């Protein structure tokens, strides 16, 4: 089930990431036609961009929530621990 651009914008991060994982699995299966592959690739790119946008928004919110110091707002980068 492929979603249009308007449908994608309504997805939260977890939903978009889950759908992106499904798209990747389908592409990696090698069991889709060229046309299906192109459509899935386009959807995957849109989903990846949406996920990045959601992460950027979350990072911005985290920075806004940090305390204000005597010299103005204090921001610090937020880094997730690397898996591995």
PDB file of N, CA and C in Angstrom:
ATOM      1  N   UNK A   1       0.837  -1.178   0.000  1.00  0.00           N
ATOM      2  CA  UNK A   1       0.000   0.000   0.000  1.00  0.00           C
ATOM      3  C   UNK A   1       0.882   1.242   0.000  1.00  0.00           C
ATOM      4  N   UNK A   2       0.917   1.931  -1.122  1.00  0.00           N
ATOM      5  CA  UNK A   2       1.751   3.118  -1.235  1.00  0.00           C
ATOM      6  C   UNK A   2       0.935   4.339  -0.873  1.00  0.00           C
ATOM      7  N   UNK A   3       1.595   5.299  -0.261  1.00  0.00           N
ATOM      8  CA  UNK A   3       0.918   6.506   0.196  1.00  0.00           C
ATOM      9  C   UNK A   3       1.373   7.686  -0.630  1.00  0.00           C
ATOM     10  N   UNK A   4       0.468   8.633  -0.817  1.00  0.00           N
ATOM     11  CA  UNK A   4       0.809   9.849  -1.539  1.00  0.00           C
ATOM     12  C   UNK A   4       1.521  10.820  -0.620  1.00  0.00           C
ATOM     13  N   UNK A   5       2.085  11.900  -1.174  1.00  0.00           N
ATOM     14  CA  UNK A   5       2.828  12.872  -0.377  1.00  0.00           C
ATOM     15  C   UNK A   5       2.011  13.463   0.761  1.00  0.00           C
ATOM     16  N   UNK A   6       0.717  13.722   0.534  1.00  0.00           N
ATOM     17  CA  UNK A   6      -0.129  14.269   1.594  1.00  0.00           C
ATOM     18  C   UNK A   6      -0.300  13.291   2.739  1.00  0.00           C
ATOM     19  N   UNK A   7      -0.421  12.007   2.399  1.00  0.00           N
ATOM     20  CA  UNK A   7      -0.569  10.979   3.426  1.00  0.00           C
ATOM     21  C   UNK A   7       0.701  10.856   4.260  1.00  0.00           C
ATOM     22  N   UNK A   8       1.850  10.971   3.620  1.00  0.00           N
ATOM     23  CA  UNK A   8       3.122  10.830   4.327  1.00  0.00           C
ATOM     24  C   UNK A   8       3.305  11.918   5.369  1.00  0.00           C
ATOM     25  N   UNK A   9       2.886  13.145   5.057  1.00  0.00           N
ATOM     26  CA  UNK A   9       3.083  14.268   5.972  1.00  0.00           C
ATOM     27  C   UNK A   9       2.374  14.039   7.301  1.00  0.00           C
ATOM     28  N   UNK A  10       1.332  13.231   7.304  1.00  0.00           N
ATOM     29  CA  UNK A  10       0.577  12.977   8.527  1.00  0.00           C
ATOM     30  C   UNK A  10       1.230  11.909   9.406  1.00  0.00           C
ATOM     31  N   UNK A  11       2.225  11.212   8.889  1.00  0.00           N
ATOM     32  CA  UNK A  11       2.865  10.138   9.650  1.00  0.00           C
ATOM     33  C   UNK A  11       3.786  10.688  10.728  1.00  0.00           C
ATOM     34  N   UNK A  12       3.791  10.025  11.865  1.00  0.00           N
ATOM     35  CA  UNK A  12       4.771  10.326  12.898  1.00  0.00           C
ATOM     36  C   UNK A  12       6.087   9.643  12.554  1.00  0.00           C
ATOM     37  N   UNK A  13       7.121   9.925  13.342  1.00  0.00           N
ATOM     38  CA  UNK A  13       8.442   9.366  13.068  1.00  0.00           C
ATOM     39  C   UNK A  13       8.419   7.836  13.057  1.00  0.00           C
ATOM     40  N   UNK A  14       7.823   7.242  14.085  1.00  0.00           N
ATOM     41  CA  UNK A  14       7.847   5.783  14.202  1.00  0.00           C
ATOM     42  C   UNK A  14       7.102   5.118  13.054  1.00  0.00           C
ATOM     43  N   UNK A  15       5.963   5.699  12.666  1.00  0.00           N
ATOM     44  CA  UNK A  15       5.204   5.145  11.540  1.00  0.00           C
ATOM     45  C   UNK A  15       5.996   5.257  10.241  1.00  0.00           C
ATOM     46  N   UNK A  16       6.597   6.415  10.027  1.00  0.00           N
ATOM     47  CA  UNK A  16       7.377   6.626   8.805  1.00  0.00           C
ATOM     48  C   UNK A  16       8.577   5.686   8.760  1.00  0.00           C
ATOM     49  N   UNK A  17       9.248   5.510   9.881  1.00  0.00           N
ATOM     50  CA  UNK A  17      10.404   4.614   9.920  1.00  0.00           C
ATOM     51  C   UNK A  17       9.971   3.173   9.675  1.00  0.00           C
ATOM     52  N   UNK A  18       8.853   2.777  10.250  1.00  0.00           N
ATOM     53  CA  UNK A  18       8.336   1.428  10.022  1.00  0.00           C
ATOM     54  C   UNK A  18       8.008   1.189   8.558  1.00  0.00           C
ATOM     55  N   UNK A  19       7.364   2.167   7.939  1.00  0.00           N
ATOM     56  CA  UNK A  19       7.035   2.039   6.516  1.00  0.00           C
ATOM     57  C   UNK A  19       8.301   2.020   5.674  1.00  0.00           C
ATOM     58  N   UNK A  20       9.289   2.839   6.035  1.00  0.00           N
ATOM     59  CA  UNK A  20      10.560   2.851   5.309  1.00  0.00           C
ATOM     60  C   UNK A  20      11.229   1.482   5.386  1.00  0.00           C
ATOM     61  N   UNK A  21      11.180   0.850   6.542  1.00  0.00           N
ATOM     62  CA  UNK A  21      11.752  -0.493   6.683  1.00  0.00           C
ATOM     63  C   UNK A  21      11.028  -1.494   5.785  1.00  0.00           C
ATOM     64  N   UNK A  22       9.694  -1.371   5.681  1.00  0.00           N
ATOM     65  CA  UNK A  22       8.929  -2.250   4.788  1.00  0.00           C
ATOM     66  C   UNK A  22       9.348  -2.042   3.334  1.00  0.00           C
ATOM     67  N   UNK A  23       9.497  -0.787   2.948  1.00  0.00           N
ATOM     68  CA  UNK A  23       9.897  -0.459   1.577  1.00  0.00           C
ATOM     69  C   UNK A  23      11.262  -1.066   1.270  1.00  0.00           C
ATOM     70  N   UNK A  24      12.198  -0.916   2.188  1.00  0.00           N
ATOM     71  CA  UNK A  24      13.545  -1.461   1.982  1.00  0.00           C
ATOM     72  C   UNK A  24      13.490  -2.980   1.836  1.00  0.00           C
ATOM     73  N   UNK A  25      12.720  -3.642   2.694  1.00  0.00           N
ATOM     74  CA  UNK A  25      12.603  -5.105   2.600  1.00  0.00           C
ATOM     75  C   UNK A  25      12.044  -5.532   1.238  1.00  0.00           C
ATOM     76  N   UNK A  26      11.023  -4.814   0.767  1.00  0.00           N
ATOM     77  CA  UNK A  26      10.447  -5.157  -0.541  1.00  0.00           C
ATOM     78  C   UNK A  26      11.460  -4.968  -1.651  1.00  0.00           C
ATOM     79  N   UNK A  27      12.200  -3.860  -1.601  1.00  0.00           N
ATOM     80  CA  UNK A  27      13.205  -3.614  -2.637  1.00  0.00           C
ATOM     81  C   UNK A  27      14.304  -4.667  -2.590  1.00  0.00           C
ATOM     82  N   UNK A  28      14.728  -5.024  -1.394  1.00  0.00           N
ATOM     83  CA  UNK A  28      15.806  -6.006  -1.255  1.00  0.00           C
ATOM     84  C   UNK A  28      15.363  -7.411  -1.630  1.00  0.00           C
ATOM     85  N   UNK A  29      14.063  -7.673  -1.600  1.00  0.00           N
ATOM     86  CA  UNK A  29      13.572  -9.015  -1.920  1.00  0.00           C
ATOM     87  C   UNK A  29      13.809  -9.377  -3.384  1.00  0.00           C
ATOM     88  N   UNK A  30      13.873  -8.355  -4.239  1.00  0.00           N
ATOM     89  CA  UNK A  30      14.069  -8.614  -5.659  1.00  0.00           C
ATOM     90  C   UNK A  30      12.841  -9.184  -6.342  1.00  0.00           C
ATOM     91  N   UNK A  31      11.710  -9.179  -5.664  1.00  0.00           N
ATOM     92  CA  UNK A  31      10.492  -9.772  -6.210  1.00  0.00           C
ATOM     93  C   UNK A  31       9.498  -8.729  -6.706  1.00  0.00           C
ATOM     94  N   UNK A  32       9.982  -7.547  -7.052  1.00  0.00           N
ATOM     95  CA  UNK A  32       9.097  -6.502  -7.564  1.00  0.00           C
ATOM     96  C   UNK A  32       9.553  -6.110  -8.966  1.00  0.00           C
ATOM     97  N   UNK A  33       8.609  -5.642  -9.748  1.00  0.00           N
ATOM     98  CA  UNK A  33       8.931  -5.229 -11.115  1.00  0.00           C
ATOM     99  C   UNK A  33       9.736  -3.935 -11.087  1.00  0.00           C
ATOM    100  N   UNK A  34      10.250  -3.574 -12.245  1.00  0.00           N
ATOM    101  CA  UNK A  34      10.999  -2.327 -12.362  1.00  0.00           C
ATOM    102  C   UNK A  34      10.127  -1.139 -11.973  1.00  0.00           C
ATOM    103  N   UNK A  35       8.897  -1.100 -12.475  1.00  0.00           N
ATOM    104  CA  UNK A  35       7.991   0.014 -12.155  1.00  0.00           C
ATOM    105  C   UNK A  35       7.688   0.065 -10.661  1.00  0.00           C
ATOM    106  N   UNK A  36       7.443  -1.096 -10.057  1.00  0.00           N
ATOM    107  CA  UNK A  36       7.198  -1.142  -8.613  1.00  0.00           C
ATOM    108  C   UNK A  36       8.436  -0.687  -7.851  1.00  0.00           C
ATOM    109  N   UNK A  37       9.597  -1.103  -8.328  1.00  0.00           N
ATOM    110  CA  UNK A  37      10.852  -0.704  -7.682  1.00  0.00           C
ATOM    111  C   UNK A  37      11.022   0.807  -7.703  1.00  0.00           C
ATOM    112  N   UNK A  38      10.728   1.420  -8.847  1.00  0.00           N
ATOM    113  CA  UNK A  38      10.849   2.877  -8.951  1.00  0.00           C
ATOM    114  C   UNK A  38       9.871   3.579  -8.016  1.00  0.00           C
ATOM    115  N   UNK A  39       8.638   3.092  -7.965  1.00  0.00           N
ATOM    116  CA  UNK A  39       7.638   3.693  -7.076  1.00  0.00           C
ATOM    117  C   UNK A  39       8.054   3.530  -5.616  1.00  0.00           C
ATOM    118  N   UNK A  40       8.550   2.355  -5.266  1.00  0.00           N
ATOM    119  CA  UNK A  40       9.005   2.119  -3.894  1.00  0.00           C
ATOM    120  C   UNK A  40      10.209   2.987  -3.558  1.00  0.00           C
ATOM    121  N   UNK A  41      11.122   3.134  -4.514  1.00  0.00           N
ATOM    122  CA  UNK A  41      12.295   3.972  -4.289  1.00  0.00           C
ATOM    123  C   UNK A  41      11.874   5.415  -4.028  1.00  0.00           C
ATOM    124  N   UNK A  42      10.944   5.922  -4.835  1.00  0.00           N
ATOM    125  CA  UNK A  42      10.445   7.288  -4.633  1.00  0.00           C
ATOM    126  C   UNK A  42       9.806   7.439  -3.257  1.00  0.00           C
ATOM    127  N   UNK A  43       8.996   6.460  -2.878  1.00  0.00           N
ATOM    128  CA  UNK A  43       8.359   6.500  -1.560  1.00  0.00           C
ATOM    129  C   UNK A  43       9.412   6.449  -0.463  1.00  0.00           C
ATOM    130  N   UNK A  44      10.418   5.604  -0.648  1.00  0.00           N
ATOM    131  CA  UNK A  44      11.485   5.489   0.344  1.00  0.00           C
ATOM    132  C   UNK A  44      12.240   6.791   0.536  1.00  0.00           C
ATOM    133  N   UNK A  45      12.536   7.479  -0.559  1.00  0.00           N
ATOM    134  CA  UNK A  45      13.220   8.775  -0.465  1.00  0.00           C
ATOM    135  C   UNK A  45      12.354   9.765   0.303  1.00  0.00           C
ATOM    136  N   UNK A  46      11.061   9.804  -0.015  1.00  0.00           N
ATOM    137  CA  UNK A  46      10.151  10.718   0.681  1.00  0.00           C
ATOM    138  C   UNK A  46      10.081  10.382   2.171  1.00  0.00           C
ATOM    139  N   UNK A  47      10.043   9.101   2.489  1.00  0.00           N
ATOM    140  CA  UNK A  47       9.996   8.680   3.891  1.00  0.00           C
ATOM    141  C   UNK A  47      11.287   9.024   4.623  1.00  0.00           C
ATOM    142  N   UNK A  48      12.425   8.811   3.973  1.00  0.00           N
ATOM    143  CA  UNK A  48      13.711   9.139   4.600  1.00  0.00           C
ATOM    144  C   UNK A  48      13.797  10.634   4.885  1.00  0.00           C
ATOM    145  N   UNK A  49      13.337  11.447   3.949  1.00  0.00           N
ATOM    146  CA  UNK A  49      13.349  12.901   4.158  1.00  0.00           C
ATOM    147  C   UNK A  49      12.409  13.294   5.291  1.00  0.00           C
ATOM    148  N   UNK A  50      11.245  12.649   5.345  1.00  0.00           N
ATOM    149  CA  UNK A  50      10.297  12.925   6.419  1.00  0.00           C
ATOM    150  C   UNK A  50      10.900  12.561   7.773  1.00  0.00           C
ATOM    151  N   UNK A  51      11.535  11.400   7.851  1.00  0.00           N
ATOM    152  CA  UNK A  51      12.170  10.981   9.109  1.00  0.00           C
ATOM    153  C   UNK A  51      13.250  11.975   9.522  1.00  0.00           C
ATOM    154  N   UNK A  52      14.053  12.425   8.579  1.00  0.00           N
ATOM    155  CA  UNK A  52      15.098  13.398   8.898  1.00  0.00           C
ATOM    156  C   UNK A  52      14.483  14.704   9.394  1.00  0.00           C
ATOM    157  N   UNK A  53      13.395  15.129   8.751  1.00  0.00           N
ATOM    158  CA  UNK A  53      12.713  16.355   9.173  1.00  0.00           C
ATOM    159  C   UNK A  53      12.172  16.209  10.599  1.00  0.00           C
ATOM    160  N   UNK A  54      11.581  15.045  10.900  1.00  0.00           N
ATOM    161  CA  UNK A  54      11.058  14.803  12.256  1.00  0.00           C
ATOM    162  C   UNK A  54      12.200  14.821  13.281  1.00  0.00           C
ATOM    163  N   UNK A  55      13.342  14.234  12.935  1.00  0.00           N
ATOM    164  CA  UNK A  55      14.494  14.250  13.841  1.00  0.00           C
ATOM    165  C   UNK A  55      15.012  15.668  14.046  1.00  0.00           C
ATOM    166  N   UNK A  56      15.074  16.450  12.974  1.00  0.00           N
ATOM    167  CA  UNK A  56      15.517  17.842  13.081  1.00  0.00           C
ATOM    168  C   UNK A  56      14.572  18.643  13.975  1.00  0.00           C
ATOM    169  N   UNK A  57      13.259  18.399  13.835  1.00  0.00           N
ATOM    170  CA  UNK A  57      12.278  19.085  14.674  1.00  0.00           C
ATOM    171  C   UNK A  57      12.464  18.707  16.141  1.00  0.00           C
ATOM    172  N   UNK A  58      12.692  17.430  16.401  1.00  0.00           N
ATOM    173  CA  UNK A  58      12.895  16.975  17.779  1.00  0.00           C
ATOM    174  C   UNK A  58      14.150  17.602  18.368  1.00  0.00           C
ATOM    175  N   UNK A  59      15.208  17.671  17.580  1.00  0.00           N
ATOM    176  CA  UNK A  59      16.451  18.291  18.044  1.00  0.00           C
ATOM    177  C   UNK A  59      16.207  19.757  18.400  1.00  0.00           C
ATOM    178  N   UNK A  60      15.447  20.454  17.567  1.00  0.00           N
ATOM    179  CA  UNK A  60      15.131  21.852  17.843  1.00  0.00           C
ATOM    180  C   UNK A  60      14.340  22.010  19.129  1.00  0.00           C
ATOM    181  N   UNK A  61      13.402  21.116  19.368  1.00  0.00           N
ATOM    182  CA  UNK A  61      12.615  21.180  20.604  1.00  0.00           C
ATOM    183  C   UNK A  61      13.487  20.921  21.824  1.00  0.00           C
ATOM    184  N   UNK A  62      14.410  19.982  21.711  1.00  0.00           N
ATOM    185  CA  UNK A  62      15.313  19.685  22.828  1.00  0.00           C
ATOM    186  C   UNK A  62      16.146  20.907  23.155  1.00  0.00           C
ATOM    187  N   UNK A  63      16.667  21.558  22.122  1.00  0.00           N
ATOM    188  CA  UNK A  63      17.480  22.755  22.355  1.00  0.00           C
ATOM    189  C   UNK A  63      16.659  23.854  23.011  1.00  0.00           C
ATOM    190  N   UNK A  64      15.394  23.999  22.651  1.00  0.00           N
ATOM    191  CA  UNK A  64      14.542  25.025  23.243  1.00  0.00           C
ATOM    192  C   UNK A  64      14.233  24.735  24.703  1.00  0.00           C
ATOM    193  N   UNK A  65      14.230  23.479  25.079  1.00  0.00           N
ATOM    194  CA  UNK A  65      13.863  23.101  26.440  1.00  0.00           C
ATOM    195  C   UNK A  65      15.002  23.238  27.443  1.00  0.00           C
ATOM    196  N   UNK A  66      16.215  23.449  26.965  1.00  0.00           N
ATOM    197  CA  UNK A  66      17.343  23.583  27.875  1.00  0.00           C
ATOM    198  C   UNK A  66      17.246  24.890  28.648  1.00  0.00           C
ATOM    199  N   UNK A  67      17.864  24.927  29.821  1.00  0.00           N
ATOM    200  CA  UNK A  67      17.821  26.109  30.686  1.00  0.00           C
ATOM    201  C   UNK A  67      18.427  27.332  30.023  1.00  0.00           C
ATOM    202  N   UNK A  68      17.957  28.479  30.473  1.00  0.00           N
ATOM    203  CA  UNK A  68      18.521  29.750  30.029  1.00  0.00           C
ATOM    204  C   UNK A  68      19.554  30.168  31.065  1.00  0.00           C
ATOM    205  N   UNK A  69      20.787  30.374  30.624  1.00  0.00           N
ATOM    206  CA  UNK A  69      21.868  30.773  31.521  1.00  0.00           C
ATOM    207  C   UNK A  69      21.925  32.282  31.665  1.00  0.00           C
ATOM    208  N   UNK A  70      22.847  32.777  32.479  1.00  0.00           N
ATOM    209  CA  UNK A  70      22.956  34.215  32.704  1.00  0.00           C
ATOM    210  C   UNK A  70      23.304  34.990  31.434  1.00  0.00           C
ATOM    211  N   UNK A  71      23.892  34.326  30.472  1.00  0.00           N
ATOM    212  CA  UNK A  71      24.270  35.003  29.230  1.00  0.00           C
ATOM    213  C   UNK A  71      23.317  34.672  28.083  1.00  0.00           C
ATOM    214  N   UNK A  72      22.162  34.153  28.400  1.00  0.00           N
ATOM    215  CA  UNK A  72      21.185  33.825  27.366  1.00  0.00           C
ATOM    216  C   UNK A  72      20.931  32.335  27.296  1.00  0.00           C
ATOM    217  N   UNK A  73      20.211  31.941  26.277  1.00  0.00           N
ATOM    218  CA  UNK A  73      19.875  30.522  26.157  1.00  0.00           C
ATOM    219  C   UNK A  73      21.119  29.645  26.035  1.00  0.00           C
ATOM    220  N   UNK A  74      21.069  28.534  26.712  1.00  0.00           N
ATOM    221  CA  UNK A  74      22.156  27.563  26.656  1.00  0.00           C
ATOM    222  C   UNK A  74      21.666  26.380  25.834  1.00  0.00           C
ATOM    223  N   UNK A  75      22.375  26.095  24.774  1.00  0.00           N
ATOM    224  CA  UNK A  75      22.017  24.925  23.974  1.00  0.00           C
ATOM    225  C   UNK A  75      23.203  23.982  23.920  1.00  0.00           C
ATOM    226  N   UNK A  76      22.885  22.735  23.765  1.00  0.00           N
ATOM    227  CA  UNK A  76      23.921  21.716  23.650  1.00  0.00           C
ATOM    228  C   UNK A  76      23.436  20.691  22.642  1.00  0.00           C
ATOM    229  N   UNK A  77      24.323  20.136  21.867  1.00  0.00           N
ATOM    230  CA  UNK A  77      23.894  19.128  20.904  1.00  0.00           C
ATOM    231  C   UNK A  77      23.383  17.887  21.622  1.00  0.00           C
ATOM    232  N   UNK A  78      22.421  17.258  21.024  1.00  0.00           N
ATOM    233  CA  UNK A  78      21.857  16.028  21.557  1.00  0.00           C
ATOM    234  C   UNK A  78      22.322  14.888  20.670  1.00  0.00           C
ATOM    235  N   UNK A  79      23.010  13.926  21.250  1.00  0.00           N
ATOM    236  CA  UNK A  79      23.527  12.799  20.477  1.00  0.00           C
ATOM    237  C   UNK A  79      22.992  11.503  21.063  1.00  0.00           C
ATOM    238  N   UNK A  80      22.472  10.656  20.205  1.00  0.00           N
ATOM    239  CA  UNK A  80      22.055   9.330  20.630  1.00  0.00           C
ATOM    240  C   UNK A  80      23.275   8.424  20.676  1.00  0.00           C
ATOM    241  N   UNK A  81      23.309   7.496  21.623  1.00  0.00           N
ATOM    242  CA  UNK A  81      24.440   6.560  21.646  1.00  0.00           C
ATOM    243  C   UNK A  81      24.419   5.693  20.394  1.00  0.00           C
ATOM    244  N   UNK A  82      25.593   5.414  19.878  1.00  0.00           N
ATOM    245  CA  UNK A  82      25.696   4.574  18.684  1.00  0.00           C
ATOM    246  C   UNK A  82      25.531   3.118  19.052  1.00  0.00           C
ATOM    247  N   UNK A  83      24.804   2.416  18.203  1.00  0.00           N
ATOM    248  CA  UNK A  83      24.659   0.974  18.392  1.00  0.00           C
ATOM    249  C   UNK A  83      25.826   0.290  17.707  1.00  0.00           C
ATOM    250  N   UNK A  84      26.265  -0.780  18.281  1.00  0.00           N
ATOM    251  CA  UNK A  84      27.328  -1.443  17.556  1.00  0.00           C
ATOM    252  C   UNK A  84      28.101  -2.272  18.409  1.00  0.00           C
TER     253      UNK A  84
END
